[in-house]
Amino acid sequence: MSSEQFSQTISLTEEIENILRERILKGEYGIGERIKESRIAEELKVSRTPIREAFRQLEKEGLIESVPNRGSFALGLTRRDIEDIYAVRAAVEILAIEWAVARISEGELQRLQDAFDRMEFYTGKQDSRKVLELNKVFHETIYSASGSRFLAQILKSYQEYVEKTRKATVYRSENLPVILEEHRQILEAIKSKDQRKAVERISSHLANSRKRAEQSMKLQQLF
């Protein structure tokens, strides 16, 4: 594992969480592989206390399993996890975009355009992290534009799991131009108030996202 630089803006425990989460999701720790506190402490030059706290958080997220008297083991995302996440996402986001096309305000439409424009800028710079952040803004604007607080809450409740698949598998730099074009088509359909086309394009985007996730996981030999 390469050396890590700690941020000055978040806690040490959160920084360790982020490091370990990214390693698990990228397959640097295989499913079932033991993650040793002592090795992490030595590598990162930290005490075991923040490492234990980070382990507890990652266990809540379903990325680590702690077994008494045996240690902590990486779980990561399985192929079934990916299938379940995208099945739920497709069902709910299709409904969200149907309502958004009919109800979106001018302000929300401008936020959607702004998010896309910035995605385009950072795609040109091959900055996957920024594109990932702006993708979240783009989709959350659609959720808000649906006009349903209940639907928006459902979508946000599983957003954490969607983000895991995006961060770990989808936002490889070679995929960025294709992902940008998919969002351009979604935006155009919303702007033209074409509900049928918007549903078709979000459905296509989600199907392609699932394929990218599964292909990337195959390359990482996670299943």
Protein backbone atom coordinates (compact mmCIF):
# COMPACT_ATOMS: atom_id res chain seq x y z
CA MET A 1 0.00 0.00 0.00
CA SER A 2 1.25 3.50 -0.81
CA SER A 3 1.82 6.16 1.84
CA GLU A 4 -1.12 8.45 2.61
CA GLN A 5 -1.36 12.20 3.25
CA PHE A 6 -3.87 13.20 5.92
CA SER A 7 -6.34 16.04 5.40
CA GLN A 8 -6.40 19.05 7.70
CA THR A 9 -10.18 19.47 7.46
CA ILE A 10 -11.60 16.19 8.82
CA SER A 11 -10.86 14.02 11.85
CA LEU A 12 -8.16 11.38 11.87
CA THR A 13 -10.78 8.65 12.28
CA GLU A 14 -12.71 9.90 9.23
CA GLU A 15 -9.49 10.06 7.22
CA ILE A 16 -8.67 6.46 8.11
CA GLU A 17 -12.25 5.45 7.26
CA ASN A 18 -11.88 7.03 3.83
CA ILE A 19 -8.55 5.31 3.17
CA LEU A 20 -9.81 1.87 4.19
CA ARG A 21 -13.18 2.31 2.45
CA GLU A 22 -11.50 3.16 -0.84
CA ARG A 23 -9.13 0.21 -0.56
CA ILE A 24 -11.97 -2.22 0.13
CA LEU A 25 -14.16 -0.91 -2.68
CA LYS A 26 -11.29 -0.89 -5.17
CA GLY A 27 -10.43 -4.48 -4.28
CA GLU A 28 -7.06 -3.77 -2.69
CA TYR A 29 -8.42 -5.86 0.17
CA GLY A 30 -10.17 -8.89 -1.27
CA ILE A 31 -13.47 -10.18 0.06
CA GLY A 32 -12.72 -12.21 3.19
CA GLU A 33 -9.20 -10.83 3.59
CA ARG A 34 -8.20 -10.01 7.15
CA ILE A 35 -7.38 -6.34 7.81
CA LYS A 36 -4.92 -6.11 10.69
CA GLU A 37 -5.00 -3.14 13.05
CA SER A 38 -1.30 -3.48 13.77
CA ARG A 39 -0.34 -3.34 10.10
CA ILE A 40 -2.55 -0.28 9.47
CA ALA A 41 -1.16 1.47 12.57
CA GLU A 42 2.40 0.84 11.46
CA GLU A 43 1.75 1.92 7.87
CA LEU A 44 -0.15 5.12 8.71
CA LYS A 45 1.93 5.94 11.80
CA VAL A 46 -1.12 6.26 14.05
CA SER A 47 -2.37 4.63 17.24
CA ARG A 48 -4.90 1.80 17.17
CA THR A 49 -7.72 3.86 18.74
CA PRO A 50 -8.80 5.78 15.59
CA ILE A 51 -8.34 2.59 13.57
CA ARG A 52 -10.78 0.71 15.83
CA GLU A 53 -13.25 3.60 15.52
CA ALA A 54 -12.89 3.52 11.73
CA PHE A 55 -13.46 -0.26 11.74
CA ARG A 56 -16.72 0.22 13.71
CA GLN A 57 -18.03 2.71 11.16
CA LEU A 58 -17.08 0.50 8.21
CA GLU A 59 -18.78 -2.43 9.90
CA LYS A 60 -21.99 -0.36 10.10
CA GLU A 61 -21.65 0.27 6.36
CA GLY A 62 -21.34 -3.45 5.67
CA LEU A 63 -17.78 -3.22 4.36
CA ILE A 64 -16.07 -4.97 7.27
CA GLU A 65 -17.07 -7.93 9.42
CA SER A 66 -15.54 -8.20 12.90
CA VAL A 67 -15.37 -11.73 14.25
CA PRO A 68 -14.64 -12.16 17.99
CA ASN A 69 -11.20 -13.66 18.67
CA ARG A 70 -10.43 -13.75 14.95
CA GLY A 71 -10.23 -10.15 13.74
CA SER A 72 -11.76 -7.90 11.08
CA PHE A 73 -12.36 -9.00 7.50
CA ALA A 74 -13.16 -7.10 4.29
CA LEU A 75 -16.59 -7.70 2.77
CA GLY A 76 -16.73 -5.21 -0.10
CA LEU A 77 -19.51 -5.37 -2.70
CA THR A 78 -20.58 -8.61 -4.34
CA ARG A 79 -22.19 -9.08 -7.75
CA ARG A 80 -25.55 -9.63 -6.01
CA ASP A 81 -25.11 -6.32 -4.16
CA ILE A 82 -24.56 -4.53 -7.46
CA GLU A 83 -27.64 -6.15 -9.02
CA ASP A 84 -29.84 -5.24 -6.05
CA ILE A 85 -28.61 -1.64 -5.85
CA TYR A 86 -29.25 -0.97 -9.53
CA ALA A 87 -32.62 -2.71 -9.55
CA VAL A 88 -33.87 -0.49 -6.73
CA ARG A 89 -32.23 2.59 -8.21
CA ALA A 90 -33.83 2.08 -11.62
CA ALA A 91 -37.32 1.58 -10.20
CA VAL A 92 -37.23 4.71 -8.06
CA GLU A 93 -35.26 7.07 -10.33
CA ILE A 94 -37.56 6.39 -13.27
CA LEU A 95 -40.49 7.58 -11.15
CA ALA A 96 -38.44 10.58 -9.97
CA ILE A 97 -37.62 11.74 -13.49
CA GLU A 98 -41.22 11.31 -14.67
CA TRP A 99 -42.36 13.68 -11.94
CA ALA A 100 -39.36 16.00 -12.39
CA VAL A 101 -40.11 16.61 -16.07
CA ALA A 102 -43.60 17.77 -15.16
CA ARG A 103 -42.69 19.76 -12.05
CA ILE A 104 -39.16 21.14 -12.43
CA SER A 105 -38.78 24.86 -11.73
CA GLU A 106 -36.61 27.29 -13.67
CA GLY A 107 -34.24 27.49 -10.72
CA GLU A 108 -33.88 23.71 -10.53
CA LEU A 109 -33.38 23.52 -14.29
CA GLN A 110 -30.58 26.08 -14.00
CA ARG A 111 -28.95 24.09 -11.17
CA LEU A 112 -29.13 21.00 -13.36
CA GLN A 113 -27.49 22.88 -16.23
CA ASP A 114 -24.81 24.29 -13.93
CA ALA A 115 -24.00 20.83 -12.55
CA PHE A 116 -23.72 19.46 -16.09
CA ASP A 117 -21.50 22.34 -17.25
CA ARG A 118 -19.11 21.74 -14.36
CA MET A 119 -19.15 17.98 -15.04
CA GLU A 120 -18.14 18.77 -18.62
CA PHE A 121 -15.29 21.00 -17.40
CA TYR A 122 -13.90 18.39 -15.00
CA THR A 123 -14.37 15.58 -17.51
CA GLY A 124 -11.99 17.52 -19.77
CA LYS A 125 -9.52 17.57 -16.89
CA GLN A 126 -10.04 13.84 -16.23
CA ASP A 127 -10.88 14.65 -12.60
CA SER A 128 -13.00 11.66 -11.57
CA ARG A 129 -13.44 12.86 -7.99
CA LYS A 130 -15.00 16.17 -9.02
CA VAL A 131 -17.18 14.50 -11.66
CA LEU A 132 -18.42 12.11 -8.97
CA GLU A 133 -19.35 15.03 -6.70
CA LEU A 134 -21.18 16.85 -9.49
CA ASN A 135 -22.97 13.70 -10.61
CA LYS A 136 -24.45 13.50 -7.12
CA VAL A 137 -25.61 17.13 -7.40
CA PHE A 138 -27.14 16.41 -10.84
CA HIS A 139 -29.17 13.43 -9.64
CA GLU A 140 -30.18 15.03 -6.33
CA THR A 141 -31.51 18.03 -8.28
CA ILE A 142 -33.74 15.63 -10.21
CA TYR A 143 -34.91 14.09 -6.92
CA SER A 144 -35.76 17.56 -5.59
CA ALA A 145 -37.50 18.53 -8.83
CA SER A 146 -39.82 15.54 -8.47
CA GLY A 147 -41.65 17.67 -5.91
CA SER A 148 -42.07 14.69 -3.57
CA ARG A 149 -40.39 14.89 -0.18
CA PHE A 150 -41.22 11.23 0.40
CA LEU A 151 -39.60 10.09 -2.85
CA ALA A 152 -36.55 12.31 -2.27
CA GLN A 153 -36.12 10.74 1.18
CA ILE A 154 -36.29 7.22 -0.25
CA LEU A 155 -33.64 8.11 -2.82
CA LYS A 156 -31.36 9.71 -0.25
CA SER A 157 -31.73 6.72 2.08
CA TYR A 158 -29.95 4.43 -0.37
CA GLN A 159 -27.65 7.09 -1.83
CA GLU A 160 -24.79 5.77 0.31
CA TYR A 161 -24.95 2.41 -1.47
CA VAL A 162 -25.15 4.04 -4.90
CA GLU A 163 -22.10 6.15 -4.05
CA LYS A 164 -20.18 3.01 -3.13
CA THR A 165 -20.73 1.53 -6.58
CA ARG A 166 -19.95 4.82 -8.34
CA LYS A 167 -16.77 5.52 -6.44
CA ALA A 168 -15.45 1.99 -6.55
CA THR A 169 -16.26 0.94 -10.07
CA VAL A 170 -17.93 3.43 -12.37
CA TYR A 171 -15.81 6.55 -12.34
CA ARG A 172 -12.73 5.20 -14.02
CA SER A 173 -11.21 7.99 -16.12
CA GLU A 174 -11.78 6.16 -19.41
CA ASN A 175 -15.54 6.12 -18.72
CA LEU A 176 -15.92 9.85 -18.09
CA PRO A 177 -16.71 11.04 -21.68
CA VAL A 178 -19.40 8.37 -22.10
CA ILE A 179 -20.94 9.18 -18.72
CA LEU A 180 -20.95 12.89 -19.60
CA GLU A 181 -22.80 12.22 -22.86
CA GLU A 182 -25.41 10.15 -21.02
CA HIS A 183 -26.05 13.07 -18.67
CA ARG A 184 -26.23 15.47 -21.62
CA GLN A 185 -29.02 13.38 -23.14
CA ILE A 186 -30.91 13.24 -19.83
CA LEU A 187 -30.63 17.02 -19.48
CA GLU A 188 -31.84 17.63 -23.04
CA ALA A 189 -34.91 15.44 -22.48
CA ILE A 190 -35.79 17.29 -19.27
CA LYS A 191 -35.31 20.70 -20.90
CA SER A 192 -37.59 19.69 -23.78
CA LYS A 193 -40.23 18.43 -21.30
CA ASP A 194 -40.24 15.06 -23.08
CA GLN A 195 -41.23 12.62 -20.34
CA ARG A 196 -40.98 9.50 -22.51
CA LYS A 197 -37.51 10.38 -23.76
CA ALA A 198 -36.35 11.30 -20.24
CA VAL A 199 -37.43 7.88 -18.94
CA GLU A 200 -35.71 6.14 -21.85
CA ARG A 201 -32.48 8.03 -21.27
CA ILE A 202 -32.34 7.58 -17.51
CA SER A 203 -33.10 3.88 -18.00
CA SER A 204 -30.28 3.57 -20.54
CA HIS A 205 -27.90 5.47 -18.25
CA LEU A 206 -28.67 3.22 -15.29
CA ALA A 207 -28.34 0.05 -17.39
CA ASN A 208 -24.97 1.24 -18.68
CA SER A 209 -23.87 2.21 -15.16
CA ARG A 210 -24.65 -1.30 -13.97
CA LYS A 211 -22.68 -2.82 -16.85
CA ARG A 212 -19.70 -0.57 -16.09
CA ALA A 213 -19.86 -1.53 -12.43
CA GLU A 214 -19.98 -5.25 -13.16
CA GLN A 215 -17.21 -5.05 -15.75
CA SER A 216 -14.97 -3.09 -13.42
CA MET A 217 -15.57 -5.56 -10.60
CA LYS A 218 -14.63 -8.41 -12.94
CA LEU A 219 -11.38 -6.65 -13.72
CA GLN A 220 -10.73 -6.32 -10.01
CA GLN A 221 -11.49 -10.05 -9.66
CA LEU A 222 -13.93 -9.44 -6.82
CA PHE A 223 -16.21 -12.21 -8.00
